[in-house]
């Protein structure tokens, strides 16, 4: 997270290297899945990761009923507490579809910055 912290705080700073960005996104998403195990909600941060989390029925085929999807920078802003889940949904930078998708907010931030 150290490699992306300055960029998250200031969008005018050059973006981190792809490998550093990927590591931060994957690490935080996998931490979410470990902290909130289950398969009720799928969190997608293309092109780097998709994880299932939160207790409930596990999804195995087709389009999941509960999906949270966003870009890498927005995900890291959420994961670090620099952006609120509801604000991200309201601004359109995050989609949360399904009756349980918003439950992800309970588990954020993952790594406060």
PDB file of N, CA and C in Angstrom:
ATOM      1  N   UNK A   1       0.812  -1.196   0.000  1.00  0.00           N
ATOM      2  CA  UNK A   1       0.000   0.000   0.000  1.00  0.00           C
ATOM      3  C   UNK A   1       0.857   1.263   0.000  1.00  0.00           C
ATOM      4  N   UNK A   2       2.071   1.151   0.494  1.00  0.00           N
ATOM      5  CA  UNK A   2       2.953   2.316   0.520  1.00  0.00           C
ATOM      6  C   UNK A   2       3.202   2.858  -0.886  1.00  0.00           C
ATOM      7  N   UNK A   3       3.242   1.973  -1.862  1.00  0.00           N
ATOM      8  CA  UNK A   3       3.532   2.378  -3.242  1.00  0.00           C
ATOM      9  C   UNK A   3       2.387   3.156  -3.885  1.00  0.00           C
ATOM     10  N   UNK A   4       1.194   3.034  -3.338  1.00  0.00           N
ATOM     11  CA  UNK A   4       0.037   3.701  -3.947  1.00  0.00           C
ATOM     12  C   UNK A   4      -0.549   4.817  -3.087  1.00  0.00           C
ATOM     13  N   UNK A   5      -0.095   4.942  -1.854  1.00  0.00           N
ATOM     14  CA  UNK A   5      -0.671   5.897  -0.913  1.00  0.00           C
ATOM     15  C   UNK A   5      -0.675   7.330  -1.389  1.00  0.00           C
ATOM     16  N   UNK A   6       0.452   7.811  -1.870  1.00  0.00           N
ATOM     17  CA  UNK A   6       0.535   9.200  -2.318  1.00  0.00           C
ATOM     18  C   UNK A   6      -0.398   9.448  -3.499  1.00  0.00           C
ATOM     19  N   UNK A   7      -0.457   8.511  -4.434  1.00  0.00           N
ATOM     20  CA  UNK A   7      -1.338   8.608  -5.605  1.00  0.00           C
ATOM     21  C   UNK A   7      -2.811   8.628  -5.192  1.00  0.00           C
ATOM     22  N   UNK A   8      -3.150   7.870  -4.152  1.00  0.00           N
ATOM     23  CA  UNK A   8      -4.536   7.857  -3.685  1.00  0.00           C
ATOM     24  C   UNK A   8      -4.914   9.187  -3.049  1.00  0.00           C
ATOM     25  N   UNK A   9      -3.981   9.784  -2.344  1.00  0.00           N
ATOM     26  CA  UNK A   9      -4.253  11.065  -1.685  1.00  0.00           C
ATOM     27  C   UNK A   9      -4.267  12.237  -2.663  1.00  0.00           C
ATOM     28  N   UNK A  10      -3.562  12.085  -3.797  1.00  0.00           N
ATOM     29  CA  UNK A  10      -3.422  13.184  -4.752  1.00  0.00           C
ATOM     30  C   UNK A  10      -3.438  12.628  -6.174  1.00  0.00           C
ATOM     31  N   UNK A  11      -4.549  12.786  -6.877  1.00  0.00           N
ATOM     32  CA  UNK A  11      -4.712  12.224  -8.225  1.00  0.00           C
ATOM     33  C   UNK A  11      -3.757  12.832  -9.239  1.00  0.00           C
ATOM     34  N   UNK A  12      -3.137  13.973  -8.926  1.00  0.00           N
ATOM     35  CA  UNK A  12      -2.196  14.577  -9.868  1.00  0.00           C
ATOM     36  C   UNK A  12      -0.816  13.913  -9.829  1.00  0.00           C
ATOM     37  N   UNK A  13      -0.575  13.095  -8.813  1.00  0.00           N
ATOM     38  CA  UNK A  13       0.681  12.342  -8.714  1.00  0.00           C
ATOM     39  C   UNK A  13       0.640  11.232  -9.764  1.00  0.00           C
ATOM     40  N   UNK A  14       1.763  10.943 -10.417  1.00  0.00           N
ATOM     41  CA  UNK A  14       1.773   9.856 -11.403  1.00  0.00           C
ATOM     42  C   UNK A  14       1.305   8.523 -10.787  1.00  0.00           C
ATOM     43  N   UNK A  15       0.568   7.779 -11.566  1.00  0.00           N
ATOM     44  CA  UNK A  15       0.069   6.478 -11.108  1.00  0.00           C
ATOM     45  C   UNK A  15       1.233   5.534 -10.824  1.00  0.00           C
ATOM     46  N   UNK A  16       1.056   4.626  -9.871  1.00  0.00           N
ATOM     47  CA  UNK A  16       2.105   3.653  -9.591  1.00  0.00           C
ATOM     48  C   UNK A  16       2.274   2.682 -10.760  1.00  0.00           C
ATOM     49  N   UNK A  17       3.361   1.945 -10.734  1.00  0.00           N
ATOM     50  CA  UNK A  17       3.596   0.919 -11.745  1.00  0.00           C
ATOM     51  C   UNK A  17       2.465  -0.106 -11.695  1.00  0.00           C
ATOM     52  N   UNK A  18       2.181  -0.702 -12.845  1.00  0.00           N
ATOM     53  CA  UNK A  18       1.086  -1.682 -12.932  1.00  0.00           C
ATOM     54  C   UNK A  18       1.234  -2.806 -11.910  1.00  0.00           C
ATOM     55  N   UNK A  19       2.447  -3.303 -11.713  1.00  0.00           N
ATOM     56  CA  UNK A  19       2.668  -4.401 -10.761  1.00  0.00           C
ATOM     57  C   UNK A  19       2.348  -3.965  -9.329  1.00  0.00           C
ATOM     58  N   UNK A  20       2.704  -2.737  -8.973  1.00  0.00           N
ATOM     59  CA  UNK A  20       2.408  -2.230  -7.633  1.00  0.00           C
ATOM     60  C   UNK A  20       0.907  -2.033  -7.447  1.00  0.00           C
ATOM     61  N   UNK A  21       0.261  -1.499  -8.461  1.00  0.00           N
ATOM     62  CA  UNK A  21      -1.180  -1.300  -8.417  1.00  0.00           C
ATOM     63  C   UNK A  21      -1.897  -2.646  -8.299  1.00  0.00           C
ATOM     64  N   UNK A  22      -1.490  -3.601  -9.104  1.00  0.00           N
ATOM     65  CA  UNK A  22      -2.099  -4.934  -9.071  1.00  0.00           C
ATOM     66  C   UNK A  22      -1.930  -5.578  -7.695  1.00  0.00           C
ATOM     67  N   UNK A  23      -0.754  -5.473  -7.114  1.00  0.00           N
ATOM     68  CA  UNK A  23      -0.500  -6.067  -5.802  1.00  0.00           C
ATOM     69  C   UNK A  23      -1.392  -5.438  -4.736  1.00  0.00           C
ATOM     70  N   UNK A  24      -1.548  -4.116  -4.781  1.00  0.00           N
ATOM     71  CA  UNK A  24      -2.390  -3.435  -3.797  1.00  0.00           C
ATOM     72  C   UNK A  24      -3.857  -3.828  -3.952  1.00  0.00           C
ATOM     73  N   UNK A  25      -4.334  -3.876  -5.182  1.00  0.00           N
ATOM     74  CA  UNK A  25      -5.731  -4.249  -5.435  1.00  0.00           C
ATOM     75  C   UNK A  25      -5.980  -5.698  -5.017  1.00  0.00           C
ATOM     76  N   UNK A  26      -5.135  -6.595  -5.458  1.00  0.00           N
ATOM     77  CA  UNK A  26      -5.323  -8.017  -5.112  1.00  0.00           C
ATOM     78  C   UNK A  26      -5.220  -8.245  -3.615  1.00  0.00           C
ATOM     79  N   UNK A  27      -4.244  -7.610  -2.995  1.00  0.00           N
ATOM     80  CA  UNK A  27      -4.057  -7.798  -1.556  1.00  0.00           C
ATOM     81  C   UNK A  27      -5.249  -7.333  -0.748  1.00  0.00           C
ATOM     82  N   UNK A  28      -5.787  -6.163  -1.074  1.00  0.00           N
ATOM     83  CA  UNK A  28      -6.928  -5.653  -0.315  1.00  0.00           C
ATOM     84  C   UNK A  28      -8.200  -6.454  -0.594  1.00  0.00           C
ATOM     85  N   UNK A  29      -8.409  -6.850  -1.837  1.00  0.00           N
ATOM     86  CA  UNK A  29      -9.603  -7.644  -2.155  1.00  0.00           C
ATOM     87  C   UNK A  29      -9.540  -9.015  -1.483  1.00  0.00           C
ATOM     88  N   UNK A  30      -8.379  -9.615  -1.481  1.00  0.00           N
ATOM     89  CA  UNK A  30      -8.237 -10.925  -0.826  1.00  0.00           C
ATOM     90  C   UNK A  30      -8.340 -10.800   0.686  1.00  0.00           C
ATOM     91  N   UNK A  31      -7.910  -9.671   1.236  1.00  0.00           N
ATOM     92  CA  UNK A  31      -8.098  -9.430   2.670  1.00  0.00           C
ATOM     93  C   UNK A  31      -9.580  -9.317   2.997  1.00  0.00           C
ATOM     94  N   UNK A  32     -10.326  -8.635   2.136  1.00  0.00           N
ATOM     95  CA  UNK A  32     -11.772  -8.558   2.322  1.00  0.00           C
ATOM     96  C   UNK A  32     -12.378  -9.955   2.335  1.00  0.00           C
ATOM     97  N   UNK A  33     -11.991 -10.780   1.372  1.00  0.00           N
ATOM     98  CA  UNK A  33     -12.529 -12.144   1.293  1.00  0.00           C
ATOM     99  C   UNK A  33     -12.161 -12.966   2.528  1.00  0.00           C
ATOM    100  N   UNK A  34     -10.985 -12.732   3.093  1.00  0.00           N
ATOM    101  CA  UNK A  34     -10.567 -13.448   4.302  1.00  0.00           C
ATOM    102  C   UNK A  34     -11.318 -12.936   5.533  1.00  0.00           C
ATOM    103  N   UNK A  35     -11.544 -11.630   5.604  1.00  0.00           N
ATOM    104  CA  UNK A  35     -12.242 -11.026   6.744  1.00  0.00           C
ATOM    105  C   UNK A  35     -13.735 -11.329   6.733  1.00  0.00           C
ATOM    106  N   UNK A  36     -14.307 -11.445   5.550  1.00  0.00           N
ATOM    107  CA  UNK A  36     -15.744 -11.691   5.387  1.00  0.00           C
ATOM    108  C   UNK A  36     -15.944 -12.900   4.484  1.00  0.00           C
ATOM    109  N   UNK A  37     -15.566 -14.092   4.966  1.00  0.00           N
ATOM    110  CA  UNK A  37     -15.640 -15.272   4.094  1.00  0.00           C
ATOM    111  C   UNK A  37     -17.074 -15.600   3.690  1.00  0.00           C
ATOM    112  N   UNK A  38     -17.199 -16.159   2.515  1.00  0.00           N
ATOM    113  CA  UNK A  38     -18.500 -16.560   2.009  1.00  0.00           C
ATOM    114  C   UNK A  38     -18.565 -16.370   0.516  1.00  0.00           C
ATOM    115  N   UNK A  39     -19.750 -16.523  -0.011  1.00  0.00           N
ATOM    116  CA  UNK A  39     -19.914 -16.421  -1.448  1.00  0.00           C
ATOM    117  C   UNK A  39     -21.145 -15.658  -1.872  1.00  0.00           C
ATOM    118  N   UNK A  40     -21.706 -14.835  -0.981  1.00  0.00           N
ATOM    119  CA  UNK A  40     -22.944 -14.136  -1.310  1.00  0.00           C
ATOM    120  C   UNK A  40     -22.742 -12.940  -2.225  1.00  0.00           C
ATOM    121  N   UNK A  41     -21.561 -12.314  -2.168  1.00  0.00           N
ATOM    122  CA  UNK A  41     -21.295 -11.110  -2.956  1.00  0.00           C
ATOM    123  C   UNK A  41     -19.987 -11.301  -3.713  1.00  0.00           C
ATOM    124  N   UNK A  42     -19.977 -10.911  -4.968  1.00  0.00           N
ATOM    125  CA  UNK A  42     -18.748 -10.940  -5.746  1.00  0.00           C
ATOM    126  C   UNK A  42     -18.257  -9.508  -5.914  1.00  0.00           C
ATOM    127  N   UNK A  43     -16.996  -9.275  -5.555  1.00  0.00           N
ATOM    128  CA  UNK A  43     -16.359  -7.974  -5.718  1.00  0.00           C
ATOM    129  C   UNK A  43     -15.415  -8.085  -6.902  1.00  0.00           C
ATOM    130  N   UNK A  44     -15.620  -7.225  -7.889  1.00  0.00           N
ATOM    131  CA  UNK A  44     -14.814  -7.249  -9.111  1.00  0.00           C
ATOM    132  C   UNK A  44     -14.049  -5.930  -9.259  1.00  0.00           C
ATOM    133  N   UNK A  45     -12.742  -6.072  -9.486  1.00  0.00           N
ATOM    134  CA  UNK A  45     -11.899  -4.913  -9.757  1.00  0.00           C
ATOM    135  C   UNK A  45     -11.068  -5.254 -10.989  1.00  0.00           C
ATOM    136  N   UNK A  46     -11.679  -5.117 -12.174  1.00  0.00           N
ATOM    137  CA  UNK A  46     -10.960  -5.459 -13.388  1.00  0.00           C
ATOM    138  C   UNK A  46      -9.824  -4.471 -13.655  1.00  0.00           C
ATOM    139  N   UNK A  47      -8.753  -4.913 -14.205  1.00  0.00           N
ATOM    140  CA  UNK A  47      -8.481  -6.253 -14.719  1.00  0.00           C
ATOM    141  C   UNK A  47      -7.763  -7.156 -13.719  1.00  0.00           C
ATOM    142  N   UNK A  48      -7.742  -6.761 -12.443  1.00  0.00           N
ATOM    143  CA  UNK A  48      -6.859  -7.435 -11.497  1.00  0.00           C
ATOM    144  C   UNK A  48      -7.456  -8.567 -10.670  1.00  0.00           C
ATOM    145  N   UNK A  49      -8.704  -8.463 -10.228  1.00  0.00           N
ATOM    146  CA  UNK A  49      -9.188  -9.474  -9.289  1.00  0.00           C
ATOM    147  C   UNK A  49     -10.714  -9.499  -9.233  1.00  0.00           C
ATOM    148  N   UNK A  50     -11.227 -10.652  -8.871  1.00  0.00           N
ATOM    149  CA  UNK A  50     -12.633 -10.835  -8.504  1.00  0.00           C
ATOM    150  C   UNK A  50     -12.632 -11.818  -7.340  1.00  0.00           C
ATOM    151  N   UNK A  51     -13.309 -11.457  -6.260  1.00  0.00           N
ATOM    152  CA  UNK A  51     -13.386 -12.334  -5.095  1.00  0.00           C
ATOM    153  C   UNK A  51     -14.827 -12.457  -4.655  1.00  0.00           C
ATOM    154  N   UNK A  52     -15.129 -13.571  -4.016  1.00  0.00           N
ATOM    155  CA  UNK A  52     -16.438 -13.741  -3.404  1.00  0.00           C
ATOM    156  C   UNK A  52     -16.267 -13.591  -1.901  1.00  0.00           C
ATOM    157  N   UNK A  53     -17.263 -12.970  -1.271  1.00  0.00           N
ATOM    158  CA  UNK A  53     -17.186 -12.715   0.158  1.00  0.00           C
ATOM    159  C   UNK A  53     -18.581 -12.665   0.764  1.00  0.00           C
ATOM    160  N   UNK A  54     -18.643 -12.559   2.038  1.00  0.00           N
ATOM    161  CA  UNK A  54     -19.837 -12.410   2.859  1.00  0.00           C
ATOM    162  C   UNK A  54     -20.656 -13.710   2.890  1.00  0.00           C
ATOM    163  N   UNK A  55     -20.947 -14.128   4.102  1.00  0.00           N
ATOM    164  CA  UNK A  55     -21.690 -15.366   4.308  1.00  0.00           C
ATOM    165  C   UNK A  55     -23.012 -15.370   3.561  1.00  0.00           C
ATOM    166  N   UNK A  56     -23.355 -16.541   3.066  1.00  0.00           N
ATOM    167  CA  UNK A  56     -24.607 -16.707   2.340  1.00  0.00           C
ATOM    168  C   UNK A  56     -24.425 -17.732   1.249  1.00  0.00           C
ATOM    169  N   UNK A  57     -25.419 -17.860   0.430  1.00  0.00           N
ATOM    170  CA  UNK A  57     -25.360 -18.830  -0.651  1.00  0.00           C
ATOM    171  C   UNK A  57     -24.201 -18.521  -1.576  1.00  0.00           C
ATOM    172  N   UNK A  58     -23.440 -19.542  -1.904  1.00  0.00           N
ATOM    173  CA  UNK A  58     -22.284 -19.390  -2.779  1.00  0.00           C
ATOM    174  C   UNK A  58     -22.749 -19.413  -4.230  1.00  0.00           C
ATOM    175  N   UNK A  59     -22.195 -18.497  -4.998  1.00  0.00           N
ATOM    176  CA  UNK A  59     -22.517 -18.418  -6.416  1.00  0.00           C
ATOM    177  C   UNK A  59     -21.500 -19.241  -7.203  1.00  0.00           C
ATOM    178  N   UNK A  60     -21.975 -20.062  -8.145  1.00  0.00           N
ATOM    179  CA  UNK A  60     -21.029 -20.895  -8.901  1.00  0.00           C
ATOM    180  C   UNK A  60     -21.149 -20.786 -10.415  1.00  0.00           C
ATOM    181  N   UNK A  61     -22.278 -20.345 -10.947  1.00  0.00           N
ATOM    182  CA  UNK A  61     -22.430 -20.303 -12.409  1.00  0.00           C
ATOM    183  C   UNK A  61     -23.187 -19.073 -12.857  1.00  0.00           C
ATOM    184  N   UNK A  62     -22.841 -18.565 -14.030  1.00  0.00           N
ATOM    185  CA  UNK A  62     -23.562 -17.427 -14.588  1.00  0.00           C
ATOM    186  C   UNK A  62     -23.267 -16.123 -13.875  1.00  0.00           C
ATOM    187  N   UNK A  63     -24.128 -15.158 -14.045  1.00  0.00           N
ATOM    188  CA  UNK A  63     -23.958 -13.858 -13.423  1.00  0.00           C
ATOM    189  C   UNK A  63     -24.389 -13.928 -11.962  1.00  0.00           C
ATOM    190  N   UNK A  64     -23.530 -13.517 -11.051  1.00  0.00           N
ATOM    191  CA  UNK A  64     -23.892 -13.558  -9.630  1.00  0.00           C
ATOM    192  C   UNK A  64     -25.040 -12.597  -9.322  1.00  0.00           C
ATOM    193  N   UNK A  65     -25.859 -12.913  -8.319  1.00  0.00           N
ATOM    194  CA  UNK A  65     -26.979 -12.035  -7.979  1.00  0.00           C
ATOM    195  C   UNK A  65     -26.546 -10.755  -7.253  1.00  0.00           C
ATOM    196  N   UNK A  66     -25.384 -10.761  -6.604  1.00  0.00           N
ATOM    197  CA  UNK A  66     -24.904  -9.614  -5.842  1.00  0.00           C
ATOM    198  C   UNK A  66     -23.482  -9.287  -6.284  1.00  0.00           C
ATOM    199  N   UNK A  67     -23.304  -8.147  -6.940  1.00  0.00           N
ATOM    200  CA  UNK A  67     -22.004  -7.791  -7.499  1.00  0.00           C
ATOM    201  C   UNK A  67     -21.648  -6.354  -7.139  1.00  0.00           C
ATOM    202  N   UNK A  68     -20.402  -6.176  -6.735  1.00  0.00           N
ATOM    203  CA  UNK A  68     -19.826  -4.848  -6.545  1.00  0.00           C
ATOM    204  C   UNK A  68     -18.690  -4.755  -7.549  1.00  0.00           C
ATOM    205  N   UNK A  69     -18.683  -3.699  -8.371  1.00  0.00           N
ATOM    206  CA  UNK A  69     -17.635  -3.567  -9.385  1.00  0.00           C
ATOM    207  C   UNK A  69     -17.182  -2.125  -9.490  1.00  0.00           C
ATOM    208  N   UNK A  70     -15.862  -1.967  -9.602  1.00  0.00           N
ATOM    209  CA  UNK A  70     -15.281  -0.638  -9.744  1.00  0.00           C
ATOM    210  C   UNK A  70     -13.885  -0.739 -10.339  1.00  0.00           C
ATOM    211  N   UNK A  71     -13.303   0.414 -10.599  1.00  0.00           N
ATOM    212  CA  UNK A  71     -11.947   0.473 -11.144  1.00  0.00           C
ATOM    213  C   UNK A  71     -10.926   0.375 -10.003  1.00  0.00           C
ATOM    214  N   UNK A  72      -9.665   0.101 -10.332  1.00  0.00           N
ATOM    215  CA  UNK A  72      -8.643  -0.080  -9.292  1.00  0.00           C
ATOM    216  C   UNK A  72      -8.472   1.109  -8.345  1.00  0.00           C
ATOM    217  N   UNK A  73      -8.428   2.326  -8.859  1.00  0.00           N
ATOM    218  CA  UNK A  73      -8.211   3.483  -7.971  1.00  0.00           C
ATOM    219  C   UNK A  73      -9.383   3.654  -7.009  1.00  0.00           C
ATOM    220  N   UNK A  74     -10.592   3.549  -7.516  1.00  0.00           N
ATOM    221  CA  UNK A  74     -11.762   3.679  -6.649  1.00  0.00           C
ATOM    222  C   UNK A  74     -11.766   2.588  -5.592  1.00  0.00           C
ATOM    223  N   UNK A  75     -11.439   1.361  -5.981  1.00  0.00           N
ATOM    224  CA  UNK A  75     -11.396   0.271  -5.010  1.00  0.00           C
ATOM    225  C   UNK A  75     -10.398   0.588  -3.891  1.00  0.00           C
ATOM    226  N   UNK A  76      -9.227   1.064  -4.270  1.00  0.00           N
ATOM    227  CA  UNK A  76      -8.218   1.365  -3.254  1.00  0.00           C
ATOM    228  C   UNK A  76      -8.635   2.542  -2.377  1.00  0.00           C
ATOM    229  N   UNK A  77      -9.324   3.512  -2.944  1.00  0.00           N
ATOM    230  CA  UNK A  77      -9.858   4.607  -2.126  1.00  0.00           C
ATOM    231  C   UNK A  77     -10.859   4.073  -1.102  1.00  0.00           C
ATOM    232  N   UNK A  78     -11.696   3.144  -1.514  1.00  0.00           N
ATOM    233  CA  UNK A  78     -12.646   2.505  -0.593  1.00  0.00           C
ATOM    234  C   UNK A  78     -11.917   1.671   0.447  1.00  0.00           C
ATOM    235  N   UNK A  79     -10.955   0.876  -0.014  1.00  0.00           N
ATOM    236  CA  UNK A  79     -10.224  -0.036   0.872  1.00  0.00           C
ATOM    237  C   UNK A  79      -9.418   0.696   1.937  1.00  0.00           C
ATOM    238  N   UNK A  80      -9.031   1.932   1.645  1.00  0.00           N
ATOM    239  CA  UNK A  80      -8.232   2.708   2.595  1.00  0.00           C
ATOM    240  C   UNK A  80      -9.071   3.694   3.406  1.00  0.00           C
ATOM    241  N   UNK A  81     -10.339   3.789   3.127  1.00  0.00           N
ATOM    242  CA  UNK A  81     -11.198   4.699   3.856  1.00  0.00           C
ATOM    243  C   UNK A  81     -11.172   6.132   3.345  1.00  0.00           C
ATOM    244  N   UNK A  82     -10.531   6.354   2.207  1.00  0.00           N
ATOM    245  CA  UNK A  82     -10.482   7.699   1.633  1.00  0.00           C
ATOM    246  C   UNK A  82     -11.734   8.043   0.830  1.00  0.00           C
ATOM    247  N   UNK A  83     -12.596   7.049   0.613  1.00  0.00           N
ATOM    248  CA  UNK A  83     -13.863   7.247  -0.098  1.00  0.00           C
ATOM    249  C   UNK A  83     -14.926   6.394   0.577  1.00  0.00           C
ATOM    250  N   UNK A  84     -16.083   6.958   0.757  1.00  0.00           N
ATOM    251  CA  UNK A  84     -17.217   6.283   1.366  1.00  0.00           C
ATOM    252  C   UNK A  84     -17.967   5.454   0.320  1.00  0.00           C
ATOM    253  N   UNK A  85     -18.410   4.273   0.694  1.00  0.00           N
ATOM    254  CA  UNK A  85     -19.101   3.361  -0.211  1.00  0.00           C
ATOM    255  C   UNK A  85     -20.334   4.013  -0.831  1.00  0.00           C
ATOM    256  N   UNK A  86     -21.174   4.624  -0.009  1.00  0.00           N
ATOM    257  CA  UNK A  86     -22.404   5.234  -0.513  1.00  0.00           C
ATOM    258  C   UNK A  86     -22.096   6.387  -1.465  1.00  0.00           C
ATOM    259  N   UNK A  87     -21.053   7.153  -1.151  1.00  0.00           N
ATOM    260  CA  UNK A  87     -20.663   8.257  -2.029  1.00  0.00           C
ATOM    261  C   UNK A  87     -20.171   7.731  -3.370  1.00  0.00           C
ATOM    262  N   UNK A  88     -19.457   6.617  -3.355  1.00  0.00           N
ATOM    263  CA  UNK A  88     -18.969   6.017  -4.598  1.00  0.00           C
ATOM    264  C   UNK A  88     -20.133   5.542  -5.460  1.00  0.00           C
ATOM    265  N   UNK A  89     -21.131   4.931  -4.846  1.00  0.00           N
ATOM    266  CA  UNK A  89     -22.321   4.483  -5.581  1.00  0.00           C
ATOM    267  C   UNK A  89     -23.055   5.692  -6.145  1.00  0.00           C
ATOM    268  N   UNK A  90     -23.260   6.697  -5.311  1.00  0.00           N
ATOM    269  CA  UNK A  90     -24.006   7.887  -5.733  1.00  0.00           C
ATOM    270  C   UNK A  90     -23.327   8.613  -6.897  1.00  0.00           C
ATOM    271  N   UNK A  91     -21.994   8.615  -6.909  1.00  0.00           N
ATOM    272  CA  UNK A  91     -21.277   9.320  -7.980  1.00  0.00           C
ATOM    273  C   UNK A  91     -21.135   8.472  -9.245  1.00  0.00           C
ATOM    274  N   UNK A  92     -21.473   7.199  -9.162  1.00  0.00           N
ATOM    275  CA  UNK A  92     -21.418   6.329 -10.328  1.00  0.00           C
ATOM    276  C   UNK A  92     -20.074   5.673 -10.582  1.00  0.00           C
ATOM    277  N   UNK A  93     -19.109   5.833  -9.681  1.00  0.00           N
ATOM    278  CA  UNK A  93     -17.801   5.193  -9.885  1.00  0.00           C
ATOM    279  C   UNK A  93     -17.778   3.753  -9.383  1.00  0.00           C
ATOM    280  N   UNK A  94     -18.850   3.346  -8.712  1.00  0.00           N
ATOM    281  CA  UNK A  94     -18.975   1.981  -8.199  1.00  0.00           C
ATOM    282  C   UNK A  94     -20.389   1.508  -8.476  1.00  0.00           C
ATOM    283  N   UNK A  95     -20.520   0.282  -8.984  1.00  0.00           N
ATOM    284  CA  UNK A  95     -21.849  -0.298  -9.137  1.00  0.00           C
ATOM    285  C   UNK A  95     -22.026  -1.367  -8.071  1.00  0.00           C
ATOM    286  N   UNK A  96     -23.187  -1.371  -7.475  1.00  0.00           N
ATOM    287  CA  UNK A  96     -23.521  -2.355  -6.451  1.00  0.00           C
ATOM    288  C   UNK A  96     -24.902  -2.884  -6.795  1.00  0.00           C
ATOM    289  N   UNK A  97     -24.938  -4.074  -7.401  1.00  0.00           N
ATOM    290  CA  UNK A  97     -26.218  -4.634  -7.816  1.00  0.00           C
ATOM    291  C   UNK A  97     -26.554  -5.848  -6.965  1.00  0.00           C
ATOM    292  N   UNK A  98     -27.814  -5.982  -6.667  1.00  0.00           N
ATOM    293  CA  UNK A  98     -28.284  -7.087  -5.844  1.00  0.00           C
ATOM    294  C   UNK A  98     -28.595  -6.616  -4.440  1.00  0.00           C
ATOM    295  N   UNK A  99     -29.453  -7.350  -3.769  1.00  0.00           N
ATOM    296  CA  UNK A  99     -29.943  -6.942  -2.452  1.00  0.00           C
ATOM    297  C   UNK A  99     -28.874  -6.973  -1.371  1.00  0.00           C
ATOM    298  N   UNK A 100     -27.788  -7.715  -1.566  1.00  0.00           N
ATOM    299  CA  UNK A 100     -26.765  -7.826  -0.525  1.00  0.00           C
ATOM    300  C   UNK A 100     -25.450  -7.131  -0.873  1.00  0.00           C
ATOM    301  N   UNK A 101     -25.353  -6.552  -2.041  1.00  0.00           N
ATOM    302  CA  UNK A 101     -24.090  -5.946  -2.475  1.00  0.00           C
ATOM    303  C   UNK A 101     -23.602  -4.858  -1.531  1.00  0.00           C
ATOM    304  N   UNK A 102     -24.491  -4.049  -1.010  1.00  0.00           N
ATOM    305  CA  UNK A 102     -24.096  -2.945  -0.134  1.00  0.00           C
ATOM    306  C   UNK A 102     -23.511  -3.415   1.195  1.00  0.00           C
ATOM    307  N   UNK A 103     -23.664  -4.697   1.519  1.00  0.00           N
ATOM    308  CA  UNK A 103     -23.090  -5.224   2.760  1.00  0.00           C
ATOM    309  C   UNK A 103     -21.569  -5.140   2.768  1.00  0.00           C
ATOM    310  N   UNK A 104     -20.962  -5.009   1.616  1.00  0.00           N
ATOM    311  CA  UNK A 104     -19.509  -4.867   1.536  1.00  0.00           C
ATOM    312  C   UNK A 104     -19.054  -3.652   2.344  1.00  0.00           C
ATOM    313  N   UNK A 105     -19.867  -2.607   2.387  1.00  0.00           N
ATOM    314  CA  UNK A 105     -19.513  -1.371   3.098  1.00  0.00           C
ATOM    315  C   UNK A 105     -19.191  -1.635   4.562  1.00  0.00           C
ATOM    316  N   UNK A 106     -19.819  -2.621   5.141  1.00  0.00           N
ATOM    317  CA  UNK A 106     -19.583  -2.963   6.555  1.00  0.00           C
ATOM    318  C   UNK A 106     -18.135  -3.358   6.806  1.00  0.00           C
ATOM    319  N   UNK A 107     -17.472  -3.883   5.799  1.00  0.00           N
ATOM    320  CA  UNK A 107     -16.114  -4.414   5.952  1.00  0.00           C
ATOM    321  C   UNK A 107     -15.039  -3.412   5.522  1.00  0.00           C
ATOM    322  N   UNK A 108     -15.448  -2.211   5.180  1.00  0.00           N
ATOM    323  CA  UNK A 108     -14.499  -1.182   4.751  1.00  0.00           C
ATOM    324  C   UNK A 108     -14.319  -0.140   5.842  1.00  0.00           C
ATOM    325  N   UNK A 109     -13.165   0.458   5.989  1.00  0.00           N
ATOM    326  CA  UNK A 109     -11.947   0.248   5.208  1.00  0.00           C
ATOM    327  C   UNK A 109     -11.226  -1.032   5.636  1.00  0.00           C
ATOM    328  N   UNK A 110     -10.395  -1.511   4.756  1.00  0.00           N
ATOM    329  CA  UNK A 110      -9.604  -2.723   4.998  1.00  0.00           C
ATOM    330  C   UNK A 110      -8.254  -2.350   5.591  1.00  0.00           C
ATOM    331  N   UNK A 111      -7.613  -1.343   5.003  1.00  0.00           N
ATOM    332  CA  UNK A 111      -6.298  -0.866   5.443  1.00  0.00           C
ATOM    333  C   UNK A 111      -6.372   0.656   5.521  1.00  0.00           C
ATOM    334  N   UNK A 112      -6.732   1.211   6.677  1.00  0.00           N
ATOM    335  CA  UNK A 112      -6.831   2.674   6.757  1.00  0.00           C
ATOM    336  C   UNK A 112      -5.506   3.348   6.407  1.00  0.00           C
ATOM    337  N   UNK A 113      -5.600   4.418   5.637  1.00  0.00           N
ATOM    338  CA  UNK A 113      -4.407   5.190   5.253  1.00  0.00           C
ATOM    339  C   UNK A 113      -4.365   6.505   6.004  1.00  0.00           C
TER     340      UNK A 113
END
